[in-house]
C-alpha cells in the first residue's frame, strides 16, 4: 500500500508541475493564451493547490493509520484530471 501512495504522490507532484508549466497558455495575456480572468484563473491555481495538498494529506493520513483514506486523497487529483481529459471539447 505504501508503494501505491508513493506513486500517487509522484503523480500528484507531476500533475502540479504540468499545470504550472502550461499556466501561461491559460492565464497569460499573449496571443496563444485563453486570457482567463477572475474565476477561471482562480480555479486553475486552486487545482494546483489541491494537487500539492493531496500529496501531503496522503502522507499525513497514512501516518495516522488511515491507509485507504490516504490512497483515496492521493489519487483524487489524477482521477479528476483523467475525467477532465476525457471530456469532449465544447466546440
C-alpha atoms as a PDB file:
ATOM      1  CA  UNK A   1       0.000   0.000   0.000  1.00  0.00           C
ATOM      2  CA  UNK A   2       2.861   2.348   0.707  1.00  0.00           C
ATOM      3  CA  UNK A   3       4.169   1.866  -2.825  1.00  0.00           C
ATOM      4  CA  UNK A   4       0.793   2.933  -4.247  1.00  0.00           C
ATOM      5  CA  UNK A   5       0.857   6.004  -2.031  1.00  0.00           C
ATOM      6  CA  UNK A   6       4.356   6.949  -3.179  1.00  0.00           C
ATOM      7  CA  UNK A   7       3.353   6.519  -6.820  1.00  0.00           C
ATOM      8  CA  UNK A   8       0.237   8.622  -6.222  1.00  0.00           C
ATOM      9  CA  UNK A   9       2.296  11.399  -4.637  1.00  0.00           C
ATOM     10  CA  UNK A  10       4.722  11.381  -7.555  1.00  0.00           C
ATOM     11  CA  UNK A  11       1.792  11.599  -9.971  1.00  0.00           C
ATOM     12  CA  UNK A  12       0.280  14.456  -7.918  1.00  0.00           C
ATOM     13  CA  UNK A  13       3.534  16.399  -7.999  1.00  0.00           C
ATOM     14  CA  UNK A  14       3.980  15.747 -11.723  1.00  0.00           C
ATOM     15  CA  UNK A  15       0.430  16.954 -12.367  1.00  0.00           C
ATOM     16  CA  UNK A  16       1.068  20.114 -10.350  1.00  0.00           C
ATOM     17  CA  UNK A  17       4.300  20.704 -12.293  1.00  0.00           C
ATOM     18  CA  UNK A  18       2.445  20.238 -15.580  1.00  0.00           C
ATOM     19  CA  UNK A  19      -0.237  22.719 -14.515  1.00  0.00           C
ATOM     20  CA  UNK A  20       2.401  25.291 -13.574  1.00  0.00           C
ATOM     21  CA  UNK A  21       4.306  24.694 -16.816  1.00  0.00           C
ATOM     22  CA  UNK A  22       1.277  25.368 -19.022  1.00  0.00           C
ATOM     23  CA  UNK A  23      -0.191  28.145 -16.881  1.00  0.00           C
ATOM     24  CA  UNK A  24       0.943  30.811 -19.341  1.00  0.00           C
ATOM     25  CA  UNK A  25      -1.298  29.327 -22.005  1.00  0.00           C
ATOM     26  CA  UNK A  26      -4.301  29.587 -19.698  1.00  0.00           C
ATOM     27  CA  UNK A  27      -3.861  32.718 -17.617  1.00  0.00           C
ATOM     28  CA  UNK A  28      -1.378  34.676 -19.731  1.00  0.00           C
ATOM     29  CA  UNK A  29      -2.055  37.691 -21.872  1.00  0.00           C
ATOM     30  CA  UNK A  30      -0.317  36.549 -25.040  1.00  0.00           C
ATOM     31  CA  UNK A  31      -1.926  35.717 -28.359  1.00  0.00           C
ATOM     32  CA  UNK A  32      -1.718  31.970 -27.703  1.00  0.00           C
ATOM     33  CA  UNK A  33      -3.389  32.120 -24.301  1.00  0.00           C
ATOM     34  CA  UNK A  34      -7.020  31.719 -23.353  1.00  0.00           C
ATOM     35  CA  UNK A  35      -6.895  35.066 -21.487  1.00  0.00           C
ATOM     36  CA  UNK A  36      -8.618  33.553 -18.471  1.00  0.00           C
ATOM     37  CA  UNK A  37      -9.721  36.142 -15.966  1.00  0.00           C
ATOM     38  CA  UNK A  38     -11.137  36.060 -12.477  1.00  0.00           C
ATOM     39  CA  UNK A  39     -12.856  32.838 -11.616  1.00  0.00           C
ATOM     40  CA  UNK A  40     -11.146  30.725 -14.293  1.00  0.00           C
ATOM     41  CA  UNK A  41      -7.668  31.779 -13.176  1.00  0.00           C
ATOM     42  CA  UNK A  42      -8.563  31.246  -9.512  1.00  0.00           C
ATOM     43  CA  UNK A  43      -9.945  27.792 -10.265  1.00  0.00           C
ATOM     44  CA  UNK A  44      -6.793  26.926 -12.205  1.00  0.00           C
ATOM     45  CA  UNK A  45      -4.488  27.882  -9.342  1.00  0.00           C
ATOM     46  CA  UNK A  46      -6.798  26.153  -6.863  1.00  0.00           C
ATOM     47  CA  UNK A  47      -6.277  22.960  -8.886  1.00  0.00           C
ATOM     48  CA  UNK A  48      -2.520  23.365  -8.431  1.00  0.00           C
ATOM     49  CA  UNK A  49      -3.001  23.866  -4.687  1.00  0.00           C
ATOM     50  CA  UNK A  50      -5.246  20.795  -4.453  1.00  0.00           C
ATOM     51  CA  UNK A  51      -2.612  18.678  -6.229  1.00  0.00           C
ATOM     52  CA  UNK A  52       0.026  19.729  -3.724  1.00  0.00           C
ATOM     53  CA  UNK A  53      -2.285  19.434  -0.711  1.00  0.00           C
ATOM     54  CA  UNK A  54      -3.426  15.948  -1.732  1.00  0.00           C
ATOM     55  CA  UNK A  55       0.151  14.717  -1.708  1.00  0.00           C
ATOM     56  CA  UNK A  56       0.745  15.974   1.830  1.00  0.00           C
ATOM     57  CA  UNK A  57      -2.672  14.816   3.054  1.00  0.00           C
ATOM     58  CA  UNK A  58      -1.940  11.331   1.777  1.00  0.00           C
ATOM     59  CA  UNK A  59       1.215  11.049   3.839  1.00  0.00           C
ATOM     60  CA  UNK A  60      -0.408  12.549   6.931  1.00  0.00           C
ATOM     61  CA  UNK A  61      -3.356  10.165   6.760  1.00  0.00           C
ATOM     62  CA  UNK A  62      -1.024   7.222   6.169  1.00  0.00           C
ATOM     63  CA  UNK A  63       0.989   8.159   9.232  1.00  0.00           C
ATOM     64  CA  UNK A  64      -2.219   8.200  11.313  1.00  0.00           C
ATOM     65  CA  UNK A  65      -3.051   4.673  10.147  1.00  0.00           C
ATOM     66  CA  UNK A  66      -5.793   5.559   7.656  1.00  0.00           C
ATOM     67  CA  UNK A  67      -4.181   3.999   4.622  1.00  0.00           C
ATOM     68  CA  UNK A  68      -7.311   3.650   2.498  1.00  0.00           C
ATOM     69  CA  UNK A  69      -8.266   7.302   3.042  1.00  0.00           C
ATOM     70  CA  UNK A  70      -4.690   8.280   2.211  1.00  0.00           C
ATOM     71  CA  UNK A  71      -4.855   6.433  -1.100  1.00  0.00           C
ATOM     72  CA  UNK A  72      -8.217   7.992  -1.958  1.00  0.00           C
ATOM     73  CA  UNK A  73      -6.973  11.509  -1.218  1.00  0.00           C
ATOM     74  CA  UNK A  74      -3.721  10.978  -3.089  1.00  0.00           C
ATOM     75  CA  UNK A  75      -5.349   9.504  -6.225  1.00  0.00           C
ATOM     76  CA  UNK A  76      -8.206  12.033  -6.360  1.00  0.00           C
ATOM     77  CA  UNK A  77      -6.401  14.756  -8.415  1.00  0.00           C
ATOM     78  CA  UNK A  78      -5.080  12.328 -11.075  1.00  0.00           C
ATOM     79  CA  UNK A  79      -8.542  10.749 -11.352  1.00  0.00           C
ATOM     80  CA  UNK A  80     -10.095  14.201 -11.735  1.00  0.00           C
ATOM     81  CA  UNK A  81      -7.549  15.128 -14.383  1.00  0.00           C
ATOM     82  CA  UNK A  82      -8.308  11.922 -16.254  1.00  0.00           C
ATOM     83  CA  UNK A  83     -12.035  12.671 -16.206  1.00  0.00           C
ATOM     84  CA  UNK A  84     -11.373  16.238 -17.395  1.00  0.00           C
ATOM     85  CA  UNK A  85      -9.127  14.978 -20.198  1.00  0.00           C
ATOM     86  CA  UNK A  86     -11.760  12.516 -21.387  1.00  0.00           C
ATOM     87  CA  UNK A  87     -14.491  15.145 -21.639  1.00  0.00           C
ATOM     88  CA  UNK A  88     -15.284  16.148 -25.230  1.00  0.00           C
ATOM     89  CA  UNK A  89     -14.304  19.581 -26.440  1.00  0.00           C
ATOM     90  CA  UNK A  90     -17.086  22.186 -26.153  1.00  0.00           C
ATOM     91  CA  UNK A  91     -16.859  23.226 -29.786  1.00  0.00           C
END
